Amino acid sequence: MKNIQLVLGVVFLTIFLLFAAFGSHFPFVDRDLKEESMKMTEEGIKIPPYPPSKEHPLGSDRKGRDLLSLLVIGTRETLLLVTLVVVIRYSLAVPLGMAATISKPINAFLSGWNYILSFIPPIFLVALLLGIPFIYFSNYLPFWFVVILSSIEVGRLATIVKNDVTYLSNQLFVKAAISTGCTKVKLFTRHIFPHLKSQLITSFVNDMARVLFLLSQLAVVQLFLDRKFTSELDGSYSAENTSLAYPMYLQLVSRDIWSSYWVPLSSVLFISVMIITFLLLADGLKKYFKTKYRMLG
């Protein structure tokens, strides 16, 4: 089998898509996500989170909800969130990168943008923006969450697109097309974009893995896609995650890893497999396109 990466990537992605589309209908999934505050056992009364058992193969969360059911049902939200962020990011970056190849002011703006942001790791910048009170306490936090995650690396991607277009423009087949009197529109649609498209598709899938990893980092510092505030006994308020996306079960990882290790480990397992799936797909697609253009050549 020549392209095992692509085959494995497609197989794993198909499984995740089945989870997303029909997960709540699987026989081993509790579609109602029932909460269980306590239960009687032979050893006495137990309170959640419950360890892995026949009833809960991956254990339960702190509300007594079956963790496997949460992760399977949460696949849809995870895939939608990651895909939406990357789609918006590329919708902004591709036109900006192309414009930078023909406009000096836009190119200068893009270079300055990248220069400034190169000193700040994405996780710090996202956390800083999401921590702004206007955004953090907004009723539209999911909207701001997606907007910030989408725009945070637009400059980096636009620069990649600009460099790719510039590289392709200097190739012999493009210069030959120019010498035959090919218009700019035909030059781009017939000669540049077909080669650029394969790179964009590969980079798109690869970026889905980057976004999921960034979401996991944000969850560790307790920045959630959506949350509600609950009152504590001392009169203070705490933010409680209400999202079902995979990374959100890492919010108490420093505490859970000692007392209920199955919660973060189950989340990390699903996150890791999904990230590996995207990386396998990206690598497989890169190999596929390289073979395709070699045959056409």
Protein backbone atom coordinates (compact mmCIF):
# COMPACT_ATOMS: atom_id res chain seq x y z
CA MET A 1 0.00 0.00 0.00
CA LYS A 2 1.71 3.15 -1.23
CA ASN A 3 -0.16 5.81 0.73
CA ILE A 4 -0.87 4.23 4.11
CA GLN A 5 -1.04 7.67 5.77
CA LEU A 6 -3.98 8.75 3.62
CA VAL A 7 -5.81 5.46 4.11
CA LEU A 8 -5.41 5.53 7.89
CA GLY A 9 -6.36 9.22 8.01
CA VAL A 10 -9.55 8.58 6.03
CA VAL A 11 -10.47 5.59 8.21
CA PHE A 12 -10.02 7.51 11.47
CA LEU A 13 -11.81 10.59 10.08
CA THR A 14 -14.72 8.39 8.99
CA ILE A 15 -15.02 7.06 12.55
CA PHE A 16 -15.07 10.60 13.95
CA LEU A 17 -17.67 11.65 11.36
CA LEU A 18 -19.84 8.69 12.36
CA PHE A 19 -19.51 9.77 15.99
CA ALA A 20 -20.48 13.31 15.02
CA ALA A 21 -23.48 12.30 12.90
CA PHE A 22 -24.88 9.29 14.76
CA GLY A 23 -23.03 9.19 18.10
CA SER A 24 -26.10 9.86 20.21
CA HIS A 25 -27.84 6.83 18.66
CA PHE A 26 -25.11 4.30 19.46
CA PRO A 27 -26.30 1.65 21.95
CA PHE A 28 -23.42 2.27 24.36
CA VAL A 29 -24.05 6.02 24.49
CA ASP A 30 -26.28 7.76 27.04
CA ARG A 31 -27.89 10.36 24.80
CA ASP A 32 -29.50 12.14 27.76
CA LEU A 33 -26.17 12.51 29.59
CA LYS A 34 -27.88 11.84 32.91
CA GLU A 35 -26.23 13.28 36.00
CA GLU A 36 -25.77 11.03 39.02
CA SER A 37 -24.89 12.73 42.29
CA MET A 38 -24.31 9.47 44.19
CA LYS A 39 -24.86 5.73 44.00
CA MET A 40 -24.96 2.79 46.37
CA THR A 41 -22.40 0.02 45.99
CA GLU A 42 -21.31 -2.97 48.05
CA GLU A 43 -18.60 -0.75 49.49
CA GLY A 44 -21.10 1.94 50.47
CA ILE A 45 -22.09 5.31 49.04
CA LYS A 46 -19.91 6.66 46.23
CA ILE A 47 -19.91 10.13 44.74
CA PRO A 48 -18.64 11.12 41.30
CA PRO A 49 -16.41 11.12 39.46
CA TYR A 50 -16.78 7.36 39.20
CA PRO A 51 -13.80 5.25 38.04
CA PRO A 52 -13.99 3.09 34.86
CA SER A 53 -16.38 0.16 35.19
CA LYS A 54 -18.79 -1.92 33.11
CA GLU A 55 -21.38 0.82 33.53
CA HIS A 56 -18.90 3.59 32.67
CA PRO A 57 -16.09 2.16 30.46
CA LEU A 58 -14.08 5.39 30.67
CA GLY A 59 -15.45 6.47 34.05
CA SER A 60 -17.57 9.55 34.69
CA ASP A 61 -17.06 13.28 35.15
CA ARG A 62 -17.68 15.21 38.38
CA LYS A 63 -21.41 15.34 37.63
CA GLY A 64 -21.67 11.58 37.28
CA ARG A 65 -22.17 11.72 33.51
CA ASP A 66 -20.75 8.85 31.47
CA LEU A 67 -17.44 10.09 30.05
CA LEU A 68 -17.53 7.91 26.93
CA SER A 69 -20.96 9.29 26.05
CA LEU A 70 -19.75 12.86 26.64
CA LEU A 71 -16.76 12.38 24.34
CA VAL A 72 -18.69 10.62 21.57
CA ILE A 73 -21.47 13.23 21.58
CA GLY A 74 -18.89 16.01 21.90
CA THR A 75 -17.22 14.92 18.65
CA ARG A 76 -19.69 16.99 16.62
CA GLU A 77 -18.96 20.19 18.53
CA THR A 78 -15.21 19.55 18.38
CA LEU A 79 -15.16 19.01 14.61
CA LEU A 80 -17.51 21.93 13.93
CA LEU A 81 -15.46 24.29 16.07
CA VAL A 82 -12.11 23.30 14.56
CA THR A 83 -13.46 23.38 10.99
CA LEU A 84 -15.22 26.73 11.46
CA VAL A 85 -12.09 28.37 12.88
CA VAL A 86 -9.90 27.12 10.04
CA VAL A 87 -12.44 28.02 7.32
CA ILE A 88 -12.70 31.61 8.58
CA ARG A 89 -8.91 31.81 8.99
CA TYR A 90 -8.28 30.74 5.39
CA SER A 91 -11.09 32.93 4.05
CA LEU A 92 -9.15 35.90 5.43
CA ALA A 93 -5.58 34.71 4.84
CA VAL A 94 -5.79 33.56 1.22
CA PRO A 95 -7.09 36.87 -0.26
CA LEU A 96 -4.70 38.84 1.96
CA GLY A 97 -1.71 36.75 0.88
CA MET A 98 -2.61 37.04 -2.79
CA ALA A 99 -3.13 40.80 -2.49
CA ALA A 100 0.28 41.13 -0.84
CA THR A 101 1.95 39.83 -4.02
CA ILE A 102 0.68 42.77 -6.09
CA SER A 103 0.28 45.54 -3.50
CA LYS A 104 3.30 47.00 -1.69
CA PRO A 105 1.20 48.68 1.09
CA ILE A 106 -0.56 45.38 1.86
CA ASN A 107 2.77 43.54 1.78
CA ALA A 108 4.26 46.09 4.19
CA PHE A 109 1.21 45.76 6.48
CA LEU A 110 1.51 41.98 6.43
CA SER A 111 5.25 42.08 7.22
CA GLY A 112 4.66 44.47 10.14
CA TRP A 113 1.80 42.34 11.45
CA ASN A 114 3.94 39.21 11.43
CA TYR A 115 6.91 41.01 12.95
CA ILE A 116 4.88 42.25 15.92
CA LEU A 117 3.04 38.97 16.56
CA SER A 118 6.20 36.87 16.17
CA PHE A 119 7.22 37.93 19.70
CA ILE A 120 3.98 36.63 21.28
CA PRO A 121 3.15 32.89 21.40
CA PRO A 122 -0.43 32.26 20.13
CA ILE A 123 -1.58 30.80 23.47
CA PHE A 124 -0.60 33.99 25.34
CA LEU A 125 -2.18 36.29 22.77
CA VAL A 126 -5.45 34.34 22.68
CA ALA A 127 -5.59 34.17 26.48
CA LEU A 128 -4.91 37.90 26.69
CA LEU A 129 -7.71 38.78 24.27
CA LEU A 130 -10.23 36.33 25.73
CA GLY A 131 -9.44 37.68 29.20
CA ILE A 132 -10.63 41.19 28.31
CA PRO A 133 -13.66 41.77 30.61
CA PHE A 134 -15.86 42.96 27.73
CA ILE A 135 -15.25 39.64 25.97
CA TYR A 136 -14.94 37.28 28.96
CA PHE A 137 -18.30 38.34 30.46
CA SER A 138 -20.05 38.73 27.11
CA ASN A 139 -23.19 36.74 26.36
CA TYR A 140 -21.65 36.11 22.93
CA LEU A 141 -18.46 34.48 24.17
CA PRO A 142 -18.61 31.61 21.59
CA PHE A 143 -18.68 34.25 18.82
CA TRP A 144 -15.64 36.06 20.22
CA PHE A 145 -13.90 32.76 20.86
CA VAL A 146 -14.22 31.74 17.20
CA VAL A 147 -13.31 35.22 15.89
CA ILE A 148 -10.14 35.47 17.99
CA LEU A 149 -9.00 31.91 17.23
CA SER A 150 -9.68 32.45 13.52
CA SER A 151 -7.80 35.73 13.19
CA ILE A 152 -4.85 35.02 15.47
CA GLU A 153 -2.69 33.36 12.78
CA VAL A 154 -4.08 34.99 9.66
CA GLY A 155 -0.80 36.87 9.16
CA ARG A 156 1.27 33.68 9.25
CA LEU A 157 -0.96 31.92 6.74
CA ALA A 158 -1.18 34.97 4.47
CA THR A 159 2.62 35.09 4.36
CA ILE A 160 2.75 31.40 3.40
CA VAL A 161 0.22 32.02 0.61
CA LYS A 162 2.19 35.06 -0.59
CA ASN A 163 5.43 33.09 -0.67
CA ASP A 164 3.79 30.17 -2.50
CA VAL A 165 2.25 32.45 -5.13
CA THR A 166 5.57 34.27 -5.59
CA TYR A 167 7.41 30.96 -5.97
CA LEU A 168 4.91 29.63 -8.52
CA SER A 169 4.99 32.91 -10.46
CA ASN A 170 8.73 32.43 -11.04
CA GLN A 171 8.40 28.91 -12.43
CA LEU A 172 9.14 28.25 -16.09
CA PHE A 173 5.63 27.05 -16.94
CA VAL A 174 4.18 30.33 -15.67
CA LYS A 175 6.74 32.43 -17.56
CA ALA A 176 5.99 30.42 -20.68
CA ALA A 177 2.28 31.16 -20.27
CA ILE A 178 3.03 34.88 -19.88
CA SER A 179 5.11 34.87 -23.04
CA THR A 180 2.16 33.47 -25.00
CA GLY A 181 0.02 36.44 -23.99
CA CYS A 182 -2.01 34.71 -21.25
CA THR A 183 -4.18 37.17 -19.29
CA LYS A 184 -3.73 37.58 -15.53
CA VAL A 185 -7.05 35.89 -14.82
CA LYS A 186 -6.27 32.84 -16.96
CA LEU A 187 -2.71 32.80 -15.64
CA PHE A 188 -4.00 32.47 -12.11
CA THR A 189 -6.92 30.10 -12.75
CA ARG A 190 -5.12 27.75 -15.15
CA HIS A 191 -1.51 27.74 -14.00
CA ILE A 192 -1.06 29.10 -10.48
CA PHE A 193 -4.20 28.10 -8.59
CA PRO A 194 -4.17 24.35 -9.51
CA HIS A 195 -0.73 24.06 -7.88
CA LEU A 196 -1.63 26.39 -5.03
CA LYS A 197 -4.85 24.50 -4.34
CA SER A 198 -3.06 21.29 -3.36
CA GLN A 199 -0.83 23.18 -0.93
CA LEU A 200 -3.83 24.99 0.57
CA ILE A 201 -5.76 21.75 1.10
CA THR A 202 -2.79 20.10 2.80
CA SER A 203 -2.12 23.17 4.95
CA PHE A 204 -5.84 23.43 5.82
CA VAL A 205 -5.94 19.91 7.27
CA ASN A 206 -2.66 20.45 9.07
CA ASP A 207 -4.03 23.64 10.63
CA MET A 208 -7.00 21.74 12.04
CA ALA A 209 -4.53 19.83 14.19
CA ARG A 210 -2.91 23.13 15.29
CA VAL A 211 -6.27 24.60 16.29
CA LEU A 212 -7.26 21.54 18.32
CA PHE A 213 -3.93 21.63 20.13
CA LEU A 214 -4.40 25.34 20.89
CA LEU A 215 -7.90 24.63 22.22
CA SER A 216 -6.40 22.04 24.56
CA GLN A 217 -3.90 24.58 25.88
CA LEU A 218 -6.68 27.11 26.46
CA ALA A 219 -8.75 24.56 28.39
CA VAL A 220 -5.84 23.90 30.75
CA VAL A 221 -5.82 27.61 31.69
CA GLN A 222 -9.64 27.42 32.03
CA LEU A 223 -10.63 29.42 28.95
CA PHE A 224 -13.73 27.73 27.55
CA LEU A 225 -15.80 28.03 24.39
CA ASP A 226 -18.83 28.68 26.56
CA ARG A 227 -19.47 28.86 30.30
CA LYS A 228 -21.92 29.82 32.98
CA PHE A 229 -21.24 31.47 36.31
CA THR A 230 -22.26 29.64 39.47
CA SER A 231 -22.44 31.05 42.98
CA GLU A 232 -20.10 29.59 45.62
CA LEU A 233 -20.78 29.24 49.35
CA ASP A 234 -18.48 32.15 50.17
CA GLY A 235 -20.49 34.49 47.94
CA SER A 236 -18.05 34.45 45.05
CA TYR A 237 -18.74 33.21 41.50
CA SER A 238 -16.88 30.65 39.46
CA ALA A 239 -16.95 29.98 35.72
CA GLU A 240 -18.22 26.52 34.81
CA ASN A 241 -17.62 25.03 31.39
CA THR A 242 -20.79 24.15 29.43
CA SER A 243 -19.09 23.03 26.21
CA LEU A 244 -18.84 19.37 25.19
CA ALA A 245 -15.74 19.81 23.01
CA TYR A 246 -12.91 17.39 23.80
CA PRO A 247 -10.42 19.86 25.32
CA MET A 248 -12.88 21.20 27.87
CA TYR A 249 -12.39 18.18 30.14
CA LEU A 250 -8.85 19.35 30.80
CA GLN A 251 -9.98 22.37 32.82
CA LEU A 252 -9.05 20.72 36.14
CA VAL A 253 -6.22 18.55 34.84
CA SER A 254 -3.79 19.51 37.62
CA ARG A 255 -6.26 18.24 40.22
CA ASP A 256 -7.93 15.42 38.29
CA ILE A 257 -4.66 13.75 37.37
CA TRP A 258 -4.19 12.85 41.05
CA SER A 259 -7.76 12.09 42.11
CA SER A 260 -9.66 11.06 38.96
CA TYR A 261 -6.98 10.51 36.32
CA TRP A 262 -9.42 8.84 33.88
CA VAL A 263 -11.10 12.19 33.10
CA PRO A 264 -8.08 14.02 31.60
CA LEU A 265 -6.58 10.82 30.17
CA SER A 266 -9.78 9.98 28.26
CA SER A 267 -9.93 13.51 26.90
CA VAL A 268 -6.24 13.42 25.93
CA LEU A 269 -6.81 10.06 24.20
CA PHE A 270 -9.58 11.42 21.96
CA ILE A 271 -7.68 14.67 21.32
CA SER A 272 -4.49 12.80 20.44
CA VAL A 273 -6.22 10.43 18.04
CA MET A 274 -7.99 13.33 16.31
CA ILE A 275 -4.76 15.33 15.99
CA ILE A 276 -2.96 12.25 14.62
CA THR A 277 -5.85 11.79 12.18
CA PHE A 278 -5.41 15.33 10.82
CA LEU A 279 -1.63 14.91 10.59
CA LEU A 280 -1.99 11.58 8.77
CA LEU A 281 -4.46 13.15 6.35
CA ALA A 282 -2.20 16.14 5.72
CA ASP A 283 0.82 13.91 5.11
CA GLY A 284 -1.20 11.52 2.95
CA LEU A 285 -2.68 14.34 0.86
CA LYS A 286 0.76 15.85 0.38
CA LYS A 287 2.04 12.51 -0.88
CA TYR A 288 -1.04 12.07 -3.10
CA PHE A 289 -0.70 15.48 -4.76
CA LYS A 290 3.04 15.00 -5.26
CA THR A 291 2.41 11.67 -7.01
CA LYS A 292 -0.42 13.15 -9.06
CA TYR A 293 1.61 16.07 -10.43
CA ARG A 294 4.59 13.80 -11.06
CA MET A 295 2.38 11.59 -13.24
CA LEU A 296 0.93 14.61 -15.05
CA GLY A 297 4.43 15.92 -15.62
